Amino acid sequence: MYYRVTTYAVDPARRDEAFALADAKREELKSIAGLQWIQVCDTDDVGGVMIVARYDSAETAESASEQVTRILGEMGQFMTSAPEVKAGPVSWEL
């Protein structure tokens, strides 16, 4: 398994719009080969969001990167900070 964690801030006044767009993209996101699931979490920062995505492998994550970047680009209208991405394979689990 391979995880990609993306953090950024969303304009709090446009949060509902951002999630409505994400909802509209559900089927497109579900069609990404190798993407197992996505969860979005709020962070302690004002408007802070953390997206956690699990992929089958680093290769499938890399193959999906263009499509994911395009979708995130559409979300850009709601962002108040640039996205920061961290990624890597599972090294330990409980």
Protein backbone atom coordinates (compact mmCIF):
# COMPACT_ATOMS: atom_id res chain seq x y z
CA MET A 1 0.00 0.00 0.00
CA TYR A 2 1.03 3.55 -0.74
CA TYR A 3 -0.34 6.73 0.78
CA ARG A 4 -0.43 10.29 -0.47
CA VAL A 5 -1.26 13.03 2.04
CA THR A 6 -2.10 16.48 0.69
CA THR A 7 -2.63 19.49 2.94
CA TYR A 8 -3.96 22.92 2.05
CA ALA A 9 -6.38 25.57 3.33
CA VAL A 10 -9.89 26.19 2.04
CA ASP A 11 -11.71 29.51 2.28
CA PRO A 12 -14.08 28.79 5.21
CA ALA A 13 -16.81 30.83 3.51
CA ARG A 14 -16.63 28.49 0.47
CA ARG A 15 -16.20 25.17 2.29
CA ASP A 16 -19.65 23.88 1.32
CA GLU A 17 -18.99 24.73 -2.32
CA ALA A 18 -15.67 22.87 -2.17
CA PHE A 19 -17.30 19.73 -0.80
CA ALA A 20 -20.12 20.01 -3.35
CA LEU A 21 -17.52 19.95 -6.14
CA ALA A 22 -15.79 16.99 -4.48
CA ASP A 23 -19.15 15.20 -4.34
CA ALA A 24 -19.66 15.93 -8.05
CA LYS A 25 -16.26 14.29 -8.74
CA ARG A 26 -17.00 11.05 -6.85
CA GLU A 27 -17.48 8.83 -9.90
CA GLU A 28 -14.42 10.26 -11.62
CA LEU A 29 -12.35 9.69 -8.48
CA LYS A 30 -13.71 6.15 -8.11
CA SER A 31 -12.57 5.38 -11.66
CA ILE A 32 -8.89 6.10 -10.93
CA ALA A 33 -7.04 2.81 -11.33
CA GLY A 34 -5.26 1.71 -8.16
CA LEU A 35 -6.93 4.30 -5.90
CA GLN A 36 -8.46 2.39 -3.00
CA TRP A 37 -9.98 5.24 -1.01
CA ILE A 38 -9.79 8.91 -0.09
CA GLN A 39 -10.57 10.53 3.23
CA VAL A 40 -10.63 14.26 3.93
CA CYS A 41 -9.88 15.49 7.43
CA ASP A 42 -10.02 18.93 9.00
CA THR A 43 -6.79 20.14 10.58
CA ASP A 44 -6.20 22.54 13.46
CA ASP A 45 -5.48 25.41 11.06
CA VAL A 46 -8.30 27.78 10.07
CA GLY A 47 -9.76 26.24 6.93
CA GLY A 48 -7.10 23.53 7.01
CA VAL A 49 -7.77 20.31 5.14
CA MET A 50 -5.80 17.08 4.87
CA ILE A 51 -6.56 14.59 2.10
CA VAL A 52 -5.37 11.04 2.73
CA ALA A 53 -5.45 8.77 -0.30
CA ARG A 54 -4.51 5.10 -0.37
CA TYR A 55 -3.23 3.48 -3.55
CA ASP A 56 -2.27 -0.07 -4.45
CA SER A 57 1.33 0.99 -5.06
CA ALA A 58 3.68 3.88 -5.80
CA GLU A 59 3.30 3.04 -9.48
CA THR A 60 -0.49 3.38 -9.46
CA ALA A 61 -0.21 6.63 -7.49
CA GLU A 62 2.23 7.98 -10.07
CA SER A 63 -0.01 6.87 -12.93
CA ALA A 64 -2.93 8.70 -11.33
CA SER A 65 -1.02 11.90 -10.62
CA GLU A 66 -2.04 13.74 -13.81
CA GLN A 67 -5.72 13.02 -13.24
CA VAL A 68 -5.50 13.92 -9.54
CA THR A 69 -3.63 17.14 -10.34
CA ARG A 70 -6.35 18.13 -12.79
CA ILE A 71 -9.07 17.50 -10.21
CA LEU A 72 -7.14 19.40 -7.53
CA GLY A 73 -6.72 22.20 -10.04
CA GLU A 74 -10.50 22.52 -10.22
CA MET A 75 -10.53 22.76 -6.41
CA GLY A 76 -8.01 25.61 -6.62
CA GLN A 77 -10.77 28.20 -6.70
CA PHE A 78 -11.54 27.34 -3.06
CA MET A 79 -7.95 27.11 -1.80
CA THR A 80 -6.26 29.83 0.20
CA SER A 81 -2.87 28.08 0.23
CA ALA A 82 -0.91 25.94 -2.18
CA PRO A 83 -1.26 22.18 -1.68
CA GLU A 84 1.65 20.37 -0.05
CA VAL A 85 2.05 16.67 -0.81
CA LYS A 86 3.83 13.96 1.15
CA ALA A 87 3.75 10.36 -0.02
CA GLY A 88 5.23 6.98 0.73
CA PRO A 89 4.71 3.26 1.22
CA VAL A 90 3.48 1.68 4.43
CA SER A 91 6.44 0.84 6.66
CA TRP A 92 4.57 -0.35 9.78
CA GLU A 93 1.00 -1.06 10.80
CA LEU A 94 -0.96 -2.09 13.85
